[in-house]
Amino acid sequence: MEISEKLLCLFSADVEDEGDRFVVEVPKREIDTGSVTPGETFRVALISTRAESADTNDDSGPAPDEPQPPVEPGEIRYVEIEDLGKQGDGIARVERGYVIIVPGGEVGERVKIEITEVKSNFAVGDILE
């Protein structure tokens, strides 16, 4: 999948049915960090969380109800460093509180990272800019 350089933010949200329309809520942190400004119009892309594999008979993966890490190796993201770990690395949290360790990250920074390692309960990302 190709991601545009114009990407302002990336988050997971449910699509809610409100009768005559559907609503996707933007997390408050995206407003607070300045990625999104209320009252402006933005282009939105929706990406399914369903597996992209055409082979539906593959039982080698985890159960469908088992949560998967919300990031993949090589993925590029903008994250905000919220905390420092015990060894001084930056800590960012994304969907469902999933932790990304960002070596060299400082609390309060919003950085572009590349995910280099993914585990079930955390990932590691290198700062790109």
N, C-alpha and C. Protein backbone atom coordinates (compact mmCIF):
# COMPACT_ATOMS: atom_id res chain seq x y z
N MET A 1 0.84 -1.18 0.00
CA MET A 1 0.00 0.00 0.00
C MET A 1 0.88 1.24 0.00
N GLU A 2 0.56 2.18 -0.85
CA GLU A 2 1.30 3.43 -0.92
C GLU A 2 0.60 4.48 -0.08
N ILE A 3 1.37 5.21 0.75
CA ILE A 3 0.81 6.24 1.61
C ILE A 3 1.33 7.59 1.13
N SER A 4 0.43 8.53 0.95
CA SER A 4 0.77 9.85 0.45
C SER A 4 1.65 10.61 1.43
N GLU A 5 2.56 11.42 0.89
CA GLU A 5 3.39 12.29 1.71
C GLU A 5 2.55 13.38 2.37
N LYS A 6 1.33 13.60 1.88
CA LYS A 6 0.44 14.62 2.43
C LYS A 6 -0.33 14.12 3.66
N LEU A 7 -0.09 12.88 4.08
CA LEU A 7 -0.79 12.30 5.23
C LEU A 7 -0.54 13.14 6.48
N LEU A 8 -1.61 13.61 7.10
CA LEU A 8 -1.50 14.43 8.31
C LEU A 8 -1.54 13.60 9.58
N CYS A 9 -2.40 12.59 9.60
CA CYS A 9 -2.50 11.75 10.79
C CYS A 9 -3.07 10.40 10.40
N LEU A 10 -2.88 9.43 11.27
CA LEU A 10 -3.36 8.08 11.04
C LEU A 10 -3.85 7.55 12.37
N PHE A 11 -5.08 7.07 12.41
CA PHE A 11 -5.63 6.54 13.65
C PHE A 11 -6.70 5.52 13.32
N SER A 12 -7.09 4.73 14.30
CA SER A 12 -8.17 3.77 14.14
C SER A 12 -9.41 4.32 14.80
N ALA A 13 -10.55 4.11 14.17
CA ALA A 13 -11.82 4.55 14.73
C ALA A 13 -12.94 3.69 14.16
N ASP A 14 -14.02 3.59 14.91
CA ASP A 14 -15.20 2.88 14.43
C ASP A 14 -16.04 3.81 13.56
N VAL A 15 -16.73 3.25 12.59
CA VAL A 15 -17.69 4.01 11.80
C VAL A 15 -19.04 3.81 12.47
N GLU A 16 -19.64 4.90 12.93
CA GLU A 16 -20.90 4.82 13.68
C GLU A 16 -22.08 5.19 12.79
N ASP A 17 -23.14 4.40 12.87
CA ASP A 17 -24.36 4.62 12.11
C ASP A 17 -25.27 5.54 12.90
N GLU A 18 -25.55 6.72 12.33
CA GLU A 18 -26.45 7.67 12.97
C GLU A 18 -27.70 7.89 12.12
N GLY A 19 -28.23 6.81 11.58
CA GLY A 19 -29.46 6.88 10.79
C GLY A 19 -29.23 7.34 9.37
N ASP A 20 -29.25 8.65 9.14
CA ASP A 20 -29.11 9.17 7.79
C ASP A 20 -27.66 9.52 7.42
N ARG A 21 -26.72 9.22 8.32
CA ARG A 21 -25.30 9.46 8.03
C ARG A 21 -24.44 8.53 8.88
N PHE A 22 -23.16 8.46 8.51
CA PHE A 22 -22.19 7.67 9.25
C PHE A 22 -21.10 8.61 9.76
N VAL A 23 -20.58 8.35 10.96
CA VAL A 23 -19.65 9.27 11.60
C VAL A 23 -18.37 8.53 11.99
N VAL A 24 -17.22 9.16 11.71
CA VAL A 24 -15.92 8.70 12.17
C VAL A 24 -15.39 9.79 13.10
N GLU A 25 -15.13 9.45 14.36
CA GLU A 25 -14.65 10.44 15.31
C GLU A 25 -13.13 10.59 15.21
N VAL A 26 -12.67 11.84 15.19
CA VAL A 26 -11.24 12.15 15.16
C VAL A 26 -10.77 12.27 16.61
N PRO A 27 -9.72 11.54 17.00
CA PRO A 27 -9.23 11.64 18.38
C PRO A 27 -8.81 13.06 18.74
N LYS A 28 -9.08 13.46 19.96
CA LYS A 28 -8.76 14.80 20.46
C LYS A 28 -7.27 15.13 20.29
N ARG A 29 -6.42 14.13 20.44
CA ARG A 29 -4.97 14.38 20.33
C ARG A 29 -4.58 14.92 18.97
N GLU A 30 -5.35 14.58 17.91
CA GLU A 30 -5.04 15.08 16.57
C GLU A 30 -5.36 16.57 16.47
N ILE A 31 -6.36 17.03 17.21
CA ILE A 31 -6.69 18.45 17.28
C ILE A 31 -5.64 19.16 18.13
N ASP A 32 -5.32 18.56 19.30
CA ASP A 32 -4.37 19.16 20.23
C ASP A 32 -2.98 19.34 19.62
N THR A 33 -2.56 18.39 18.77
CA THR A 33 -1.22 18.46 18.19
C THR A 33 -1.19 19.32 16.91
N GLY A 34 -2.36 19.77 16.47
CA GLY A 34 -2.41 20.64 15.30
C GLY A 34 -2.47 19.93 13.97
N SER A 35 -2.59 18.60 13.99
CA SER A 35 -2.67 17.86 12.72
C SER A 35 -3.97 18.16 11.99
N VAL A 36 -5.04 18.34 12.77
CA VAL A 36 -6.37 18.58 12.21
C VAL A 36 -6.94 19.82 12.88
N THR A 37 -7.57 20.67 12.08
CA THR A 37 -8.18 21.89 12.61
C THR A 37 -9.69 21.81 12.45
N PRO A 38 -10.45 21.98 13.54
CA PRO A 38 -11.91 21.93 13.44
C PRO A 38 -12.42 22.97 12.46
N GLY A 39 -13.47 22.61 11.71
CA GLY A 39 -14.08 23.54 10.77
C GLY A 39 -13.50 23.46 9.37
N GLU A 40 -12.35 22.79 9.19
CA GLU A 40 -11.75 22.64 7.86
C GLU A 40 -12.21 21.33 7.24
N THR A 41 -12.07 21.21 5.93
CA THR A 41 -12.44 19.99 5.22
C THR A 41 -11.18 19.19 4.92
N PHE A 42 -11.25 17.88 5.16
CA PHE A 42 -10.12 16.99 4.94
C PHE A 42 -10.55 15.80 4.11
N ARG A 43 -9.63 15.25 3.35
CA ARG A 43 -9.86 14.00 2.62
C ARG A 43 -9.57 12.86 3.59
N VAL A 44 -10.46 11.88 3.62
CA VAL A 44 -10.34 10.75 4.55
C VAL A 44 -10.21 9.46 3.75
N ALA A 45 -9.28 8.61 4.14
CA ALA A 45 -9.14 7.29 3.53
C ALA A 45 -9.49 6.24 4.58
N LEU A 46 -10.24 5.24 4.19
CA LEU A 46 -10.61 4.17 5.11
C LEU A 46 -9.90 2.90 4.67
N ILE A 47 -9.26 2.23 5.62
CA ILE A 47 -8.54 1.00 5.33
C ILE A 47 -9.16 -0.09 6.19
N SER A 48 -9.59 -1.16 5.58
CA SER A 48 -10.24 -2.25 6.30
C SER A 48 -9.26 -2.93 7.24
N THR A 49 -9.76 -3.40 8.36
CA THR A 49 -8.92 -4.15 9.29
C THR A 49 -8.93 -5.64 8.96
N ARG A 50 -9.75 -6.02 8.00
CA ARG A 50 -9.80 -7.43 7.60
C ARG A 50 -8.53 -7.80 6.86
N ALA A 51 -8.13 -9.07 6.99
CA ALA A 51 -6.93 -9.55 6.29
C ALA A 51 -7.11 -9.38 4.79
N GLU A 52 -6.03 -8.99 4.12
CA GLU A 52 -6.08 -8.77 2.68
C GLU A 52 -5.85 -10.05 1.89
N SER A 53 -5.55 -11.13 2.59
CA SER A 53 -5.27 -12.40 1.91
C SER A 53 -6.55 -12.97 1.30
N ALA A 54 -6.43 -13.50 0.09
CA ALA A 54 -7.58 -14.13 -0.57
C ALA A 54 -7.82 -15.53 -0.03
N ASP A 55 -6.82 -16.13 0.61
CA ASP A 55 -6.94 -17.49 1.15
C ASP A 55 -7.61 -17.43 2.51
N THR A 56 -8.90 -17.75 2.57
CA THR A 56 -9.64 -17.69 3.83
C THR A 56 -9.57 -18.99 4.61
N ASN A 57 -8.94 -20.03 4.05
CA ASN A 57 -8.84 -21.31 4.73
C ASN A 57 -7.53 -21.47 5.49
N ASP A 58 -6.73 -20.44 5.60
CA ASP A 58 -5.44 -20.50 6.29
C ASP A 58 -5.65 -20.41 7.79
N ASP A 59 -5.38 -21.50 8.52
CA ASP A 59 -5.58 -21.54 9.97
C ASP A 59 -4.29 -21.32 10.73
N SER A 60 -3.22 -20.90 10.05
CA SER A 60 -1.92 -20.76 10.71
C SER A 60 -1.82 -19.50 11.56
N GLY A 61 -2.66 -18.50 11.31
CA GLY A 61 -2.59 -17.23 12.03
C GLY A 61 -3.38 -17.28 13.32
N PRO A 62 -3.33 -16.20 14.11
CA PRO A 62 -4.06 -16.14 15.35
C PRO A 62 -5.57 -16.08 15.11
N ALA A 63 -6.32 -16.36 16.13
CA ALA A 63 -7.78 -16.33 16.04
C ALA A 63 -8.25 -14.94 15.64
N PRO A 64 -9.35 -14.84 14.88
CA PRO A 64 -9.82 -13.54 14.41
C PRO A 64 -10.14 -12.56 15.53
N ASP A 65 -10.55 -13.04 16.70
CA ASP A 65 -10.90 -12.13 17.79
C ASP A 65 -9.69 -11.74 18.63
N GLU A 66 -8.53 -12.30 18.32
CA GLU A 66 -7.31 -11.96 19.03
C GLU A 66 -6.74 -10.66 18.46
N PRO A 67 -6.56 -9.59 19.30
CA PRO A 67 -6.08 -8.32 18.75
C PRO A 67 -4.69 -8.44 18.16
N GLN A 68 -4.52 -7.78 17.02
CA GLN A 68 -3.23 -7.76 16.33
C GLN A 68 -2.55 -6.42 16.59
N PRO A 69 -1.20 -6.38 16.54
CA PRO A 69 -0.53 -5.08 16.67
C PRO A 69 -1.05 -4.13 15.59
N PRO A 70 -1.27 -2.86 15.93
CA PRO A 70 -1.81 -1.91 14.96
C PRO A 70 -0.77 -1.34 14.01
N VAL A 71 0.46 -1.87 14.04
CA VAL A 71 1.53 -1.40 13.15
C VAL A 71 2.21 -2.59 12.50
N GLU A 72 2.93 -2.32 11.42
CA GLU A 72 3.68 -3.36 10.70
C GLU A 72 5.10 -2.88 10.46
N PRO A 73 6.08 -3.79 10.37
CA PRO A 73 7.44 -3.38 10.06
C PRO A 73 7.47 -2.61 8.74
N GLY A 74 8.23 -1.51 8.71
CA GLY A 74 8.35 -0.69 7.52
C GLY A 74 7.31 0.41 7.42
N GLU A 75 6.30 0.36 8.26
CA GLU A 75 5.24 1.38 8.24
C GLU A 75 5.80 2.72 8.70
N ILE A 76 5.36 3.79 8.06
CA ILE A 76 5.76 5.15 8.42
C ILE A 76 4.60 5.79 9.17
N ARG A 77 4.88 6.41 10.31
CA ARG A 77 3.85 7.05 11.13
C ARG A 77 4.37 8.34 11.73
N TYR A 78 3.44 9.23 12.03
CA TYR A 78 3.73 10.39 12.86
C TYR A 78 3.19 10.07 14.24
N VAL A 79 4.03 10.20 15.26
CA VAL A 79 3.60 9.92 16.64
C VAL A 79 4.07 11.04 17.55
N GLU A 80 3.42 11.15 18.69
CA GLU A 80 3.83 12.11 19.70
C GLU A 80 4.47 11.34 20.85
N ILE A 81 5.66 11.77 21.27
CA ILE A 81 6.34 11.13 22.39
C ILE A 81 5.66 11.60 23.67
N GLU A 82 5.08 10.66 24.41
CA GLU A 82 4.30 10.99 25.60
C GLU A 82 5.08 10.80 26.90
N ASP A 83 6.11 9.97 26.85
CA ASP A 83 6.79 9.59 28.08
C ASP A 83 8.20 9.10 27.74
N LEU A 84 9.02 8.90 28.76
CA LEU A 84 10.34 8.29 28.58
C LEU A 84 10.37 6.95 29.29
N GLY A 85 10.98 5.96 28.65
CA GLY A 85 11.13 4.65 29.27
C GLY A 85 12.27 4.66 30.27
N LYS A 86 12.44 3.55 30.96
CA LYS A 86 13.47 3.42 32.00
C LYS A 86 14.88 3.62 31.44
N GLN A 87 15.08 3.32 30.17
CA GLN A 87 16.41 3.48 29.56
C GLN A 87 16.52 4.78 28.78
N GLY A 88 15.54 5.68 28.93
CA GLY A 88 15.61 6.99 28.30
C GLY A 88 15.03 7.08 26.91
N ASP A 89 14.47 5.97 26.40
CA ASP A 89 13.87 6.00 25.07
C ASP A 89 12.49 6.66 25.12
N GLY A 90 12.12 7.33 24.02
CA GLY A 90 10.79 7.93 23.92
C GLY A 90 9.73 6.85 23.85
N ILE A 91 8.57 7.13 24.43
CA ILE A 91 7.44 6.21 24.40
C ILE A 91 6.26 6.93 23.75
N ALA A 92 5.71 6.32 22.71
CA ALA A 92 4.50 6.83 22.06
C ALA A 92 3.43 5.74 22.18
N ARG A 93 2.19 6.17 22.21
CA ARG A 93 1.08 5.21 22.25
C ARG A 93 0.17 5.49 21.07
N VAL A 94 -0.28 4.40 20.44
CA VAL A 94 -1.18 4.53 19.30
C VAL A 94 -2.48 3.78 19.63
N GLU A 95 -3.15 3.25 18.66
CA GLU A 95 -4.43 2.59 18.86
C GLU A 95 -4.39 1.58 20.01
N ARG A 96 -5.48 1.59 20.79
CA ARG A 96 -5.67 0.67 21.92
C ARG A 96 -4.54 0.76 22.94
N GLY A 97 -3.81 1.87 22.99
CA GLY A 97 -2.73 2.03 23.95
C GLY A 97 -1.46 1.29 23.60
N TYR A 98 -1.37 0.77 22.39
CA TYR A 98 -0.20 0.02 21.94
C TYR A 98 1.03 0.93 21.99
N VAL A 99 2.11 0.41 22.55
CA VAL A 99 3.33 1.20 22.80
C VAL A 99 4.32 1.08 21.65
N ILE A 100 4.87 2.23 21.25
CA ILE A 100 5.99 2.26 20.30
C ILE A 100 7.16 2.93 21.00
N ILE A 101 8.28 2.21 21.07
CA ILE A 101 9.51 2.73 21.68
C ILE A 101 10.29 3.47 20.59
N VAL A 102 10.65 4.73 20.88
CA VAL A 102 11.33 5.57 19.89
C VAL A 102 12.66 6.05 20.48
N PRO A 103 13.76 5.33 20.21
CA PRO A 103 15.06 5.78 20.72
C PRO A 103 15.37 7.20 20.25
N GLY A 104 15.80 8.04 21.18
CA GLY A 104 16.15 9.41 20.87
C GLY A 104 14.98 10.38 20.91
N GLY A 105 13.78 9.87 21.15
CA GLY A 105 12.61 10.74 21.21
C GLY A 105 12.53 11.49 22.53
N GLU A 106 12.06 12.74 22.48
CA GLU A 106 11.92 13.59 23.66
C GLU A 106 10.44 13.85 23.93
N VAL A 107 10.06 13.88 25.18
CA VAL A 107 8.67 14.11 25.57
C VAL A 107 8.14 15.38 24.92
N GLY A 108 6.96 15.28 24.30
CA GLY A 108 6.32 16.42 23.66
C GLY A 108 6.62 16.56 22.18
N GLU A 109 7.64 15.85 21.68
CA GLU A 109 7.98 15.91 20.25
C GLU A 109 6.94 15.16 19.43
N ARG A 110 6.63 15.66 18.24
CA ARG A 110 5.84 14.92 17.26
C ARG A 110 6.81 14.58 16.15
N VAL A 111 7.06 13.28 15.96
CA VAL A 111 8.10 12.83 15.03
C VAL A 111 7.56 11.85 14.00
N LYS A 112 8.23 11.84 12.84
CA LYS A 112 7.94 10.87 11.80
C LYS A 112 8.86 9.69 12.04
N ILE A 113 8.29 8.48 12.15
CA ILE A 113 9.10 7.30 12.44
C ILE A 113 8.82 6.19 11.43
N GLU A 114 9.79 5.28 11.34
CA GLU A 114 9.59 4.05 10.59
C GLU A 114 9.61 2.90 11.59
N ILE A 115 8.60 2.06 11.55
CA ILE A 115 8.53 0.91 12.45
C ILE A 115 9.56 -0.12 12.00
N THR A 116 10.47 -0.48 12.92
CA THR A 116 11.54 -1.42 12.57
C THR A 116 11.35 -2.80 13.18
N GLU A 117 10.58 -2.89 14.25
CA GLU A 117 10.37 -4.17 14.94
C GLU A 117 8.98 -4.16 15.55
N VAL A 118 8.27 -5.29 15.41
CA VAL A 118 6.92 -5.38 15.96
C VAL A 118 6.80 -6.64 16.81
N LYS A 119 6.34 -6.47 18.03
CA LYS A 119 6.05 -7.57 18.95
C LYS A 119 4.57 -7.50 19.30
N SER A 120 4.05 -8.49 20.00
CA SER A 120 2.63 -8.51 20.32
C SER A 120 2.21 -7.34 21.21
N ASN A 121 3.11 -6.86 22.08
CA ASN A 121 2.71 -5.80 23.03
C ASN A 121 3.47 -4.49 22.86
N PHE A 122 4.42 -4.40 21.93
CA PHE A 122 5.12 -3.15 21.66
C PHE A 122 5.83 -3.22 20.31
N ALA A 123 6.23 -2.05 19.84
CA ALA A 123 7.02 -1.96 18.60
C ALA A 123 8.16 -0.99 18.84
N VAL A 124 9.12 -0.99 17.92
CA VAL A 124 10.24 -0.05 17.96
C VAL A 124 10.21 0.73 16.66
N GLY A 125 10.40 2.05 16.76
CA GLY A 125 10.41 2.90 15.57
C GLY A 125 11.59 3.84 15.58
N ASP A 126 12.23 4.00 14.43
CA ASP A 126 13.36 4.92 14.28
C ASP A 126 12.87 6.26 13.76
N ILE A 127 13.39 7.35 14.31
CA ILE A 127 13.01 8.68 13.87
C ILE A 127 13.55 8.95 12.47
N LEU A 128 12.67 9.41 11.57
CA LEU A 128 13.08 9.77 10.21
C LEU A 128 13.29 11.28 10.10
N GLU A 129 12.43 12.06 10.80
CA GLU A 129 12.58 13.52 10.79
C GLU A 129 11.93 14.08 12.03
